[in-house]
Amino acid sequence: MNFGKNLTMIRKQKNISQEELAFIVGVSRQTIYTWEADIATPNVVMLKKLSKALDVSIDELVSGPTIDTLPKKMKKYSLEYLSEHDSISVVSLLDWFIKLEIGNEICFGLYDDGIKDYSYHLTVLNEIIIHDKKGYEVLVEQYNKDMIKDKCYSLVARHEDDVMQFLAKIDLVDGMKKIQTFKDEEFIKNWGGETRTYFEYPKSYLLKYGDKEYKTIQITYFVNDDIYIECYLNEEFETLLERRFDKDRPSNETRDINGKTYGYYYETITDRLK
């Protein structure tokens, strides 16, 4: 991810306009625009001012989000129902929290009982054609609780007509690329099928995380009959928080749906939560 995209993403996360940021650091709005469009780059003095104004490190501004920005322990949060929401179409990988646009990056962590077990860093690398179907290659880097990278692979996914489909998985095995596609039995077993990403009955919630509040949109869906997901999106339909419930799992928090009981398992937060 380049500097301009980093600056734009962080500024929007902080709910600061270009005009407001320009006033804080002492430049014109046009200067902020040129930085975000990668027409020009700030000098060291301006980088320090931007870092202070946006409350992020210079490294995060220059290099983008890192796995280290995710806390080892989740902050306390609460969810307050606000209202029903209009139907929405989500153009991103559910469970992977990333829009299919070249250059997009996201970090997220899985938390069991509030403690981080694993972190992931995803990057949309490029477009790729698999068996005449065009999709996006997404690099997936997995880190354990000690921040050691223990897995790295790519998934190829496509989104069309409110349907999401995985096309392929690319692994590096003994220095060679191993590619499984939607025509391979092993891949179909693990990644096959299509997921509809149009949601007719979302709801609006106020998410309070730490000392900050976010207006969110809740969508719910089944990964399969055994897994039920509650997902909370920002106004750009990007995931902030996800909660997973498994069928017949013993838990103090359950969901009764269609005559079946789903127990709380774990939750996931993204680095869009600050």
Protein backbone atom coordinates (compact mmCIF):
# COMPACT_ATOMS: atom_id res chain seq x y z
CA MET A 1 0.00 0.00 0.00
CA ASN A 2 1.38 3.42 -0.92
CA PHE A 3 1.56 6.51 1.28
CA GLY A 4 -1.42 8.25 -0.31
CA LYS A 5 -3.73 5.33 0.38
CA ASN A 6 -2.38 5.02 3.92
CA LEU A 7 -3.04 8.69 4.64
CA THR A 8 -6.53 8.57 3.13
CA MET A 9 -7.51 5.43 5.05
CA ILE A 10 -6.20 6.67 8.41
CA ARG A 11 -7.76 10.14 7.97
CA LYS A 12 -11.16 8.58 7.23
CA GLN A 13 -10.82 6.20 10.18
CA LYS A 14 -10.33 9.26 12.40
CA ASN A 15 -13.37 10.98 10.82
CA ILE A 16 -11.25 13.98 9.83
CA SER A 17 -11.89 15.87 6.59
CA GLN A 18 -9.12 17.03 4.27
CA GLU A 19 -9.90 20.62 5.28
CA GLU A 20 -9.64 19.82 8.99
CA LEU A 21 -6.36 17.96 8.59
CA ALA A 22 -4.93 20.77 6.47
CA PHE A 23 -5.79 23.30 9.20
CA ILE A 24 -4.22 21.16 11.94
CA VAL A 25 -0.87 20.66 10.18
CA GLY A 26 -0.78 24.15 8.63
CA VAL A 27 -1.09 23.46 4.89
CA SER A 28 -3.76 23.95 2.24
CA ARG A 29 -6.48 21.40 1.48
CA GLN A 30 -4.94 21.10 -1.99
CA THR A 31 -1.68 19.94 -0.39
CA ILE A 32 -3.51 17.20 1.49
CA TYR A 33 -5.14 16.19 -1.80
CA THR A 34 -1.77 15.94 -3.58
CA TRP A 35 -0.39 13.75 -0.79
CA GLU A 36 -3.39 11.41 -0.86
CA ALA A 37 -3.27 11.23 -4.66
CA ASP A 38 0.48 10.48 -4.53
CA ILE A 39 1.21 13.53 -6.64
CA ALA A 40 3.59 14.75 -3.94
CA THR A 41 4.93 13.49 -0.60
CA PRO A 42 5.39 15.34 2.69
CA ASN A 43 8.84 16.08 4.11
CA VAL A 44 10.00 14.79 7.50
CA VAL A 45 8.61 17.80 9.38
CA MET A 46 5.18 17.33 7.80
CA LEU A 47 5.30 13.59 8.47
CA LYS A 48 5.81 14.31 12.17
CA LYS A 49 2.89 16.76 12.16
CA LEU A 50 0.65 14.24 10.38
CA SER A 51 1.67 11.53 12.80
CA LYS A 52 0.75 13.72 15.77
CA ALA A 53 -2.49 14.98 14.22
CA LEU A 54 -3.71 11.48 13.36
CA ASP A 55 -2.31 9.81 16.50
CA VAL A 56 -0.42 7.12 14.57
CA SER A 57 3.24 6.29 14.12
CA ILE A 58 5.22 7.56 11.13
CA ASP A 59 5.89 3.93 10.23
CA GLU A 60 2.16 3.23 10.03
CA LEU A 61 1.69 6.27 7.81
CA VAL A 62 4.49 5.23 5.48
CA SER A 63 4.19 1.43 5.54
CA GLY A 64 0.53 0.90 6.26
CA PRO A 65 -1.19 -1.10 9.01
CA THR A 66 0.77 -3.81 10.77
CA ILE A 67 -0.21 -6.86 12.79
CA ASP A 68 1.36 -5.20 15.84
CA THR A 69 -1.43 -2.61 15.92
CA LEU A 70 -3.87 -5.29 17.09
CA PRO A 71 -4.02 -5.54 20.90
CA LYS A 72 -3.15 -8.81 22.63
CA LYS A 73 -6.35 -8.43 24.62
CA MET A 74 -9.58 -6.97 23.31
CA LYS A 75 -10.92 -3.81 24.82
CA LYS A 76 -14.37 -3.91 26.38
CA TYR A 77 -17.18 -3.28 23.95
CA SER A 78 -20.97 -3.08 23.87
CA LEU A 79 -23.59 -3.18 21.12
CA GLU A 80 -26.76 -1.08 21.22
CA TYR A 81 -29.56 -1.72 18.73
CA LEU A 82 -30.64 1.44 16.89
CA SER A 83 -32.97 0.57 14.00
CA GLU A 84 -33.61 -1.50 10.90
CA HIS A 85 -31.36 -0.73 7.92
CA ASP A 86 -31.90 -0.73 4.18
CA SER A 87 -30.75 -3.77 2.19
CA ILE A 88 -27.06 -3.74 1.23
CA SER A 89 -24.66 -5.53 -1.12
CA VAL A 90 -21.21 -6.24 0.33
CA VAL A 91 -18.35 -6.36 -2.21
CA SER A 92 -15.74 -7.92 0.07
CA LEU A 93 -14.65 -11.33 1.31
CA LEU A 94 -16.83 -12.32 4.23
CA ASP A 95 -14.69 -13.86 6.99
CA TRP A 96 -11.63 -12.21 5.38
CA PHE A 97 -12.70 -8.56 5.76
CA ILE A 98 -11.14 -7.13 2.61
CA LYS A 99 -12.56 -5.40 -0.46
CA LEU A 100 -11.48 -6.84 -3.78
CA GLU A 101 -9.57 -3.83 -5.05
CA ILE A 102 -5.87 -3.97 -5.96
CA GLY A 103 -3.67 -2.54 -3.19
CA ASN A 104 -6.15 -2.98 -0.36
CA GLU A 105 -4.72 -4.25 2.94
CA ILE A 106 -6.24 -5.23 6.25
CA CYS A 107 -5.07 -6.78 9.51
CA PHE A 108 -7.38 -8.75 11.78
CA GLY A 109 -7.10 -10.94 14.83
CA LEU A 110 -9.04 -13.89 16.27
CA TYR A 111 -9.84 -13.56 19.97
CA ASP A 112 -10.94 -16.44 22.19
CA ASP A 113 -12.23 -15.23 25.56
CA GLY A 114 -10.81 -11.80 24.73
CA ILE A 115 -7.24 -13.05 24.18
CA LYS A 116 -5.67 -12.98 20.72
CA ASP A 117 -4.85 -16.41 19.29
CA TYR A 118 -3.95 -15.55 15.70
CA SER A 119 -3.46 -12.48 13.52
CA TYR A 120 -3.74 -12.13 9.77
CA HIS A 121 -2.47 -9.63 7.23
CA LEU A 122 -4.25 -9.63 3.87
CA THR A 123 -3.20 -7.81 0.71
CA VAL A 124 -5.00 -7.71 -2.65
CA LEU A 125 -2.12 -8.20 -5.10
CA ASN A 126 -3.47 -8.30 -8.65
CA GLU A 127 -6.13 -9.62 -11.01
CA ILE A 128 -5.73 -13.16 -12.28
CA ILE A 129 -7.66 -15.45 -14.66
CA ILE A 130 -8.44 -19.04 -13.56
CA HIS A 131 -10.20 -21.24 -16.12
CA ASP A 132 -11.54 -18.18 -17.97
CA LYS A 133 -12.87 -16.60 -14.76
CA LYS A 134 -11.27 -13.36 -13.63
CA GLY A 135 -10.63 -12.83 -9.93
CA TYR A 136 -8.30 -11.12 -7.47
CA GLU A 137 -5.28 -12.73 -5.82
CA VAL A 138 -5.28 -12.09 -2.07
CA LEU A 139 -2.07 -12.76 -0.13
CA VAL A 140 -2.80 -14.23 3.32
CA GLU A 141 -0.11 -14.09 6.03
CA GLN A 142 -0.91 -15.78 9.34
CA TYR A 143 0.87 -14.96 12.62
CA ASN A 144 0.60 -16.87 15.90
CA LYS A 145 0.20 -15.27 19.33
CA ASP A 146 4.00 -14.79 19.52
CA MET A 147 3.89 -12.74 16.30
CA ILE A 148 5.73 -15.44 14.33
CA LYS A 149 4.48 -15.93 10.78
CA ASP A 150 3.57 -19.60 10.44
CA LYS A 151 1.50 -19.65 7.23
CA CYS A 152 1.54 -17.79 3.94
CA TYR A 153 -0.56 -18.50 0.88
CA SER A 154 -2.79 -16.79 -1.69
CA LEU A 155 -6.48 -17.14 -2.44
CA VAL A 156 -8.08 -16.10 -5.69
CA ALA A 157 -11.65 -14.81 -5.35
CA ARG A 158 -14.26 -13.18 -7.55
CA HIS A 159 -17.41 -11.16 -6.93
CA GLU A 160 -20.19 -10.88 -9.48
CA ASP A 161 -23.95 -10.24 -9.24
CA ASP A 162 -23.91 -10.29 -5.42
CA VAL A 163 -22.19 -13.69 -5.41
CA MET A 164 -18.72 -14.36 -3.98
CA GLN A 165 -16.69 -17.37 -5.11
CA PHE A 166 -13.19 -18.67 -4.38
CA LEU A 167 -11.44 -19.69 -7.59
CA ALA A 168 -8.08 -21.02 -6.40
CA LYS A 169 -5.54 -21.42 -3.60
CA ILE A 170 -1.82 -20.92 -4.26
CA ASP A 171 0.73 -22.45 -1.88
CA LEU A 172 4.52 -22.60 -2.00
CA VAL A 173 5.61 -26.22 -1.52
CA ASP A 174 9.35 -27.05 -1.57
CA GLY A 175 10.03 -23.90 -3.55
CA MET A 176 7.34 -24.63 -6.15
CA LYS A 177 3.90 -23.07 -6.53
CA LYS A 178 1.04 -25.49 -5.91
CA ILE A 179 -2.23 -24.25 -7.41
CA GLN A 180 -5.58 -25.81 -6.62
CA THR A 181 -8.68 -24.51 -8.44
CA PHE A 182 -12.45 -24.79 -8.31
CA LYS A 183 -12.11 -27.81 -10.63
CA ASP A 184 -10.03 -29.76 -8.07
CA GLU A 185 -11.85 -32.04 -5.62
CA GLU A 186 -9.68 -31.11 -2.60
CA PHE A 187 -10.17 -27.39 -3.22
CA ILE A 188 -13.93 -27.78 -3.67
CA LYS A 189 -14.13 -29.61 -0.34
CA ASN A 190 -12.41 -26.76 1.55
CA TRP A 191 -13.24 -23.65 -0.49
CA GLY A 192 -15.89 -24.60 -3.00
CA GLY A 193 -19.34 -23.14 -3.42
CA GLU A 194 -20.68 -19.62 -3.77
CA THR A 195 -21.74 -17.14 -1.11
CA ARG A 196 -24.42 -14.56 -1.76
CA THR A 197 -23.40 -11.17 -0.39
CA TYR A 198 -26.71 -9.32 -0.68
CA PHE A 199 -28.39 -8.80 2.70
CA GLU A 200 -32.09 -7.94 2.89
CA TYR A 201 -32.54 -7.38 6.61
CA PRO A 202 -29.49 -5.67 8.12
CA LYS A 203 -29.78 -3.66 11.33
CA SER A 204 -28.10 -0.54 12.67
CA TYR A 205 -26.13 -0.80 15.92
CA LEU A 206 -23.99 1.53 17.99
CA LEU A 207 -20.69 -0.19 18.76
CA LYS A 208 -18.85 1.17 21.79
CA TYR A 209 -15.26 -0.10 21.79
CA GLY A 210 -13.01 1.21 24.54
CA ASP A 211 -13.69 4.93 24.73
CA LYS A 212 -14.89 5.26 21.11
CA GLU A 213 -18.24 4.83 19.38
CA TYR A 214 -18.98 3.57 15.88
CA LYS A 215 -22.25 3.49 13.96
CA THR A 216 -22.36 0.00 12.49
CA ILE A 217 -24.51 -2.19 10.27
CA GLN A 218 -25.14 -5.72 11.45
CA ILE A 219 -25.39 -8.52 8.90
CA THR A 220 -25.87 -12.18 9.79
CA TYR A 221 -25.26 -15.32 7.76
CA PHE A 222 -24.43 -19.03 7.92
CA VAL A 223 -21.05 -20.32 6.74
CA ASN A 224 -22.73 -23.73 6.73
CA ASP A 225 -25.40 -25.32 8.89
CA ASP A 226 -22.93 -25.55 11.79
CA ILE A 227 -21.59 -21.96 11.88
CA TYR A 228 -23.59 -18.75 12.38
CA ILE A 229 -21.92 -15.34 12.00
CA GLU A 230 -22.85 -11.87 13.27
CA CYS A 231 -20.84 -9.20 11.46
CA TYR A 232 -20.69 -5.45 12.21
CA LEU A 233 -19.72 -3.15 9.33
CA ASN A 234 -18.83 0.53 9.09
CA GLU A 235 -20.67 2.84 6.68
CA GLU A 236 -18.38 1.73 3.85
CA PHE A 237 -19.48 -1.88 4.46
CA GLU A 238 -16.08 -2.86 5.88
CA THR A 239 -15.97 -5.23 8.84
CA LEU A 240 -15.08 -3.86 12.28
CA LEU A 241 -16.19 -6.76 14.47
CA GLU A 242 -17.32 -10.33 13.81
CA ARG A 243 -18.79 -12.85 16.26
CA ARG A 244 -18.93 -16.59 15.57
CA PHE A 245 -21.45 -19.05 17.00
CA ASP A 246 -21.26 -22.85 16.47
CA LYS A 247 -24.19 -25.26 16.54
CA ASP A 248 -24.64 -27.10 19.86
CA ARG A 249 -21.52 -25.49 21.34
CA PRO A 250 -21.79 -25.13 25.17
CA SER A 251 -21.72 -21.41 25.99
CA ASN A 252 -23.21 -18.81 28.31
CA GLU A 253 -24.31 -16.88 25.20
CA THR A 254 -26.45 -18.65 22.60
CA ARG A 255 -28.62 -17.94 19.56
CA ASP A 256 -31.75 -20.02 18.84
CA ILE A 257 -32.37 -20.09 15.09
CA ASN A 258 -34.73 -22.33 13.12
CA GLY A 259 -35.06 -24.73 16.02
CA LYS A 260 -31.29 -25.06 16.50
CA THR A 261 -29.04 -23.61 19.21
CA TYR A 262 -25.72 -21.93 18.41
CA GLY A 263 -23.21 -21.17 21.15
CA TYR A 264 -20.67 -18.33 21.14
CA TYR A 265 -17.16 -19.45 20.07
CA TYR A 266 -14.86 -16.49 19.36
CA GLU A 267 -14.79 -13.00 17.89
CA THR A 268 -12.63 -11.15 15.40
CA ILE A 269 -11.63 -7.47 15.25
CA THR A 270 -9.93 -5.60 12.44
CA ASP A 271 -7.45 -2.75 12.62
CA ARG A 272 -10.25 -0.47 11.44
CA LEU A 273 -11.16 -0.36 15.14
CA LYS A 274 -8.87 2.13 16.85
